[in-house]
Amino acid sequence: MTLAEDGSDAQVLGLGISVILLNLGIYIAAPAVTVWQIKKRI
């Protein structure tokens, strides 16, 4: 959040949303795709 310019609420909000989406991708989407690929091969 320190990367956003001072006083720019839109940038802080955008960075927050992008961090949340990255976390979802790392902790939910990546394992889901891995499990799906493993089940597909069995």
PDB file of N, CA and C in Angstrom:
ATOM      1  N   MET A   1       0.807  -1.191   0.000  1.00  0.00           N
ATOM      2  CA  MET A   1       0.000   0.000   0.000  1.00  0.00           C
ATOM      3  C   MET A   1       0.857   1.265   0.000  1.00  0.00           C
ATOM      4  N   THR A   2       2.101   1.143   0.351  1.00  0.00           N
ATOM      5  CA  THR A   2       2.971   2.321   0.344  1.00  0.00           C
ATOM      6  C   THR A   2       3.337   2.735  -1.068  1.00  0.00           C
ATOM      7  N   LEU A   3       3.032   1.887  -2.045  1.00  0.00           N
ATOM      8  CA  LEU A   3       3.328   2.233  -3.439  1.00  0.00           C
ATOM      9  C   LEU A   3       2.348   3.252  -4.001  1.00  0.00           C
ATOM     10  N   ALA A   4       1.173   3.375  -3.392  1.00  0.00           N
ATOM     11  CA  ALA A   4       0.173   4.329  -3.870  1.00  0.00           C
ATOM     12  C   ALA A   4       0.594   5.744  -3.493  1.00  0.00           C
ATOM     13  N   GLU A   5       0.250   6.683  -4.352  1.00  0.00           N
ATOM     14  CA  GLU A   5       0.569   8.082  -4.072  1.00  0.00           C
ATOM     15  C   GLU A   5      -0.263   8.581  -2.898  1.00  0.00           C
ATOM     16  N   ASP A   6       0.266   9.528  -2.163  1.00  0.00           N
ATOM     17  CA  ASP A   6      -0.448  10.076  -1.012  1.00  0.00           C
ATOM     18  C   ASP A   6      -1.744  10.742  -1.461  1.00  0.00           C
ATOM     19  N   GLY A   7      -2.812  10.454  -0.766  1.00  0.00           N
ATOM     20  CA  GLY A   7      -4.088  11.100  -1.031  1.00  0.00           C
ATOM     21  C   GLY A   7      -4.889  10.495  -2.165  1.00  0.00           C
ATOM     22  N   SER A   8      -4.398   9.431  -2.780  1.00  0.00           N
ATOM     23  CA  SER A   8      -5.105   8.830  -3.900  1.00  0.00           C
ATOM     24  C   SER A   8      -5.857   7.592  -3.422  1.00  0.00           C
ATOM     25  N   ASP A   9      -7.117   7.782  -3.075  1.00  0.00           N
ATOM     26  CA  ASP A   9      -7.926   6.664  -2.586  1.00  0.00           C
ATOM     27  C   ASP A   9      -8.150   5.613  -3.672  1.00  0.00           C
ATOM     28  N   ALA A  10      -8.261   6.055  -4.908  1.00  0.00           N
ATOM     29  CA  ALA A  10      -8.503   5.111  -6.005  1.00  0.00           C
ATOM     30  C   ALA A  10      -7.308   4.174  -6.172  1.00  0.00           C
ATOM     31  N   GLN A  11      -6.100   4.711  -6.037  1.00  0.00           N
ATOM     32  CA  GLN A  11      -4.919   3.856  -6.176  1.00  0.00           C
ATOM     33  C   GLN A  11      -4.815   2.875  -5.023  1.00  0.00           C
ATOM     34  N   VAL A  12      -5.105   3.336  -3.819  1.00  0.00           N
ATOM     35  CA  VAL A  12      -5.060   2.440  -2.660  1.00  0.00           C
ATOM     36  C   VAL A  12      -6.096   1.334  -2.819  1.00  0.00           C
ATOM     37  N   LEU A  13      -7.290   1.691  -3.261  1.00  0.00           N
ATOM     38  CA  LEU A  13      -8.336   0.698  -3.482  1.00  0.00           C
ATOM     39  C   LEU A  13      -7.932  -0.288  -4.583  1.00  0.00           C
ATOM     40  N   GLY A  14      -7.370   0.227  -5.669  1.00  0.00           N
ATOM     41  CA  GLY A  14      -6.931  -0.645  -6.754  1.00  0.00           C
ATOM     42  C   GLY A  14      -5.840  -1.603  -6.323  1.00  0.00           C
ATOM     43  N   LEU A  15      -4.879  -1.096  -5.552  1.00  0.00           N
ATOM     44  CA  LEU A  15      -3.811  -1.973  -5.067  1.00  0.00           C
ATOM     45  C   LEU A  15      -4.357  -3.019  -4.107  1.00  0.00           C
ATOM     46  N   GLY A  16      -5.291  -2.611  -3.248  1.00  0.00           N
ATOM     47  CA  GLY A  16      -5.885  -3.564  -2.313  1.00  0.00           C
ATOM     48  C   GLY A  16      -6.623  -4.670  -3.028  1.00  0.00           C
ATOM     49  N   ILE A  17      -7.390  -4.313  -4.029  1.00  0.00           N
ATOM     50  CA  ILE A  17      -8.132  -5.317  -4.797  1.00  0.00           C
ATOM     51  C   ILE A  17      -7.175  -6.244  -5.541  1.00  0.00           C
ATOM     52  N   SER A  18      -6.109  -5.687  -6.109  1.00  0.00           N
ATOM     53  CA  SER A  18      -5.159  -6.535  -6.836  1.00  0.00           C
ATOM     54  C   SER A  18      -4.440  -7.493  -5.890  1.00  0.00           C
ATOM     55  N   VAL A  19      -4.126  -7.049  -4.681  1.00  0.00           N
ATOM     56  CA  VAL A  19      -3.494  -7.943  -3.707  1.00  0.00           C
ATOM     57  C   VAL A  19      -4.448  -9.060  -3.301  1.00  0.00           C
ATOM     58  N   ILE A  20      -5.711  -8.721  -3.102  1.00  0.00           N
ATOM     59  CA  ILE A  20      -6.704  -9.736  -2.749  1.00  0.00           C
ATOM     60  C   ILE A  20      -6.843 -10.750  -3.884  1.00  0.00           C
ATOM     61  N   LEU A  21      -6.884 -10.286  -5.125  1.00  0.00           N
ATOM     62  CA  LEU A  21      -7.001 -11.209  -6.261  1.00  0.00           C
ATOM     63  C   LEU A  21      -5.771 -12.098  -6.402  1.00  0.00           C
ATOM     64  N   LEU A  22      -4.585 -11.535  -6.141  1.00  0.00           N
ATOM     65  CA  LEU A  22      -3.374 -12.353  -6.172  1.00  0.00           C
ATOM     66  C   LEU A  22      -3.428 -13.447  -5.106  1.00  0.00           C
ATOM     67  N   ASN A  23      -3.885 -13.093  -3.915  1.00  0.00           N
ATOM     68  CA  ASN A  23      -3.998 -14.089  -2.849  1.00  0.00           C
ATOM     69  C   ASN A  23      -4.989 -15.176  -3.225  1.00  0.00           C
ATOM     70  N   LEU A  24      -6.120 -14.799  -3.810  1.00  0.00           N
ATOM     71  CA  LEU A  24      -7.087 -15.801  -4.253  1.00  0.00           C
ATOM     72  C   LEU A  24      -6.470 -16.723  -5.296  1.00  0.00           C
ATOM     73  N   GLY A  25      -5.722 -16.143  -6.222  1.00  0.00           N
ATOM     74  CA  GLY A  25      -5.094 -16.954  -7.256  1.00  0.00           C
ATOM     75  C   GLY A  25      -4.073 -17.931  -6.700  1.00  0.00           C
ATOM     76  N   ILE A  26      -3.319 -17.483  -5.712  1.00  0.00           N
ATOM     77  CA  ILE A  26      -2.269 -18.339  -5.157  1.00  0.00           C
ATOM     78  C   ILE A  26      -2.850 -19.425  -4.268  1.00  0.00           C
ATOM     79  N   TYR A  27      -3.794 -19.057  -3.409  1.00  0.00           N
ATOM     80  CA  TYR A  27      -4.262 -19.987  -2.396  1.00  0.00           C
ATOM     81  C   TYR A  27      -5.498 -20.776  -2.780  1.00  0.00           C
ATOM     82  N   ILE A  28      -6.219 -20.373  -3.820  1.00  0.00           N
ATOM     83  CA  ILE A  28      -7.436 -21.096  -4.196  1.00  0.00           C
ATOM     84  C   ILE A  28      -7.349 -21.634  -5.622  1.00  0.00           C
ATOM     85  N   ALA A  29      -7.056 -20.772  -6.579  1.00  0.00           N
ATOM     86  CA  ALA A  29      -7.096 -21.188  -7.986  1.00  0.00           C
ATOM     87  C   ALA A  29      -5.979 -22.170  -8.327  1.00  0.00           C
ATOM     88  N   ALA A  30      -4.753 -21.907  -7.879  1.00  0.00           N
ATOM     89  CA  ALA A  30      -3.641 -22.796  -8.220  1.00  0.00           C
ATOM     90  C   ALA A  30      -3.845 -24.210  -7.673  1.00  0.00           C
ATOM     91  N   PRO A  31      -4.198 -24.382  -6.391  1.00  0.00           N
ATOM     92  CA  PRO A  31      -4.465 -25.748  -5.916  1.00  0.00           C
ATOM     93  C   PRO A  31      -5.663 -26.397  -6.605  1.00  0.00           C
ATOM     94  N   ALA A  32      -6.696 -25.603  -6.918  1.00  0.00           N
ATOM     95  CA  ALA A  32      -7.866 -26.170  -7.586  1.00  0.00           C
ATOM     96  C   ALA A  32      -7.491 -26.696  -8.972  1.00  0.00           C
ATOM     97  N   VAL A  33      -6.701 -25.934  -9.699  1.00  0.00           N
ATOM     98  CA  VAL A  33      -6.270 -26.386 -11.028  1.00  0.00           C
ATOM     99  C   VAL A  33      -5.390 -27.620 -10.912  1.00  0.00           C
ATOM    100  N   THR A  34      -4.526 -27.664  -9.916  1.00  0.00           N
ATOM    101  CA  THR A  34      -3.655 -28.823  -9.719  1.00  0.00           C
ATOM    102  C   THR A  34      -4.472 -30.071  -9.417  1.00  0.00           C
ATOM    103  N   VAL A  35      -5.438 -29.956  -8.515  1.00  0.00           N
ATOM    104  CA  VAL A  35      -6.290 -31.099  -8.178  1.00  0.00           C
ATOM    105  C   VAL A  35      -7.089 -31.531  -9.398  1.00  0.00           C
ATOM    106  N   TRP A  36      -7.591 -30.571 -10.156  1.00  0.00           N
ATOM    107  CA  TRP A  36      -8.363 -30.896 -11.362  1.00  0.00           C
ATOM    108  C   TRP A  36      -7.502 -31.642 -12.377  1.00  0.00           C
ATOM    109  N   GLN A  37      -6.258 -31.221 -12.550  1.00  0.00           N
ATOM    110  CA  GLN A  37      -5.359 -31.884 -13.496  1.00  0.00           C
ATOM    111  C   GLN A  37      -5.030 -33.306 -13.037  1.00  0.00           C
ATOM    112  N   ILE A  38      -4.838 -33.478 -11.733  1.00  0.00           N
ATOM    113  CA  ILE A  38      -4.535 -34.821 -11.213  1.00  0.00           C
ATOM    114  C   ILE A  38      -5.741 -35.743 -11.397  1.00  0.00           C
ATOM    115  N   LYS A  39      -6.945 -35.260 -11.090  1.00  0.00           N
ATOM    116  CA  LYS A  39      -8.148 -36.080 -11.274  1.00  0.00           C
ATOM    117  C   LYS A  39      -8.394 -36.399 -12.734  1.00  0.00           C
ATOM    118  N   LYS A  40      -8.021 -35.477 -13.610  1.00  0.00           N
ATOM    119  CA  LYS A  40      -8.216 -35.678 -15.037  1.00  0.00           C
ATOM    120  C   LYS A  40      -7.344 -36.823 -15.556  1.00  0.00           C
ATOM    121  N   ARG A  41      -6.178 -36.999 -14.983  1.00  0.00           N
ATOM    122  CA  ARG A  41      -5.250 -38.035 -15.447  1.00  0.00           C
ATOM    123  C   ARG A  41      -5.588 -39.412 -14.889  1.00  0.00           C
ATOM    124  N   ILE A  42      -6.320 -39.443 -13.778  1.00  0.00           N
ATOM    125  CA  ILE A  42      -6.647 -40.737 -13.161  1.00  0.00           C
ATOM    126  C   ILE A  42      -7.829 -41.379 -13.879  1.00  0.00           C
TER     127      ILE A  42
END
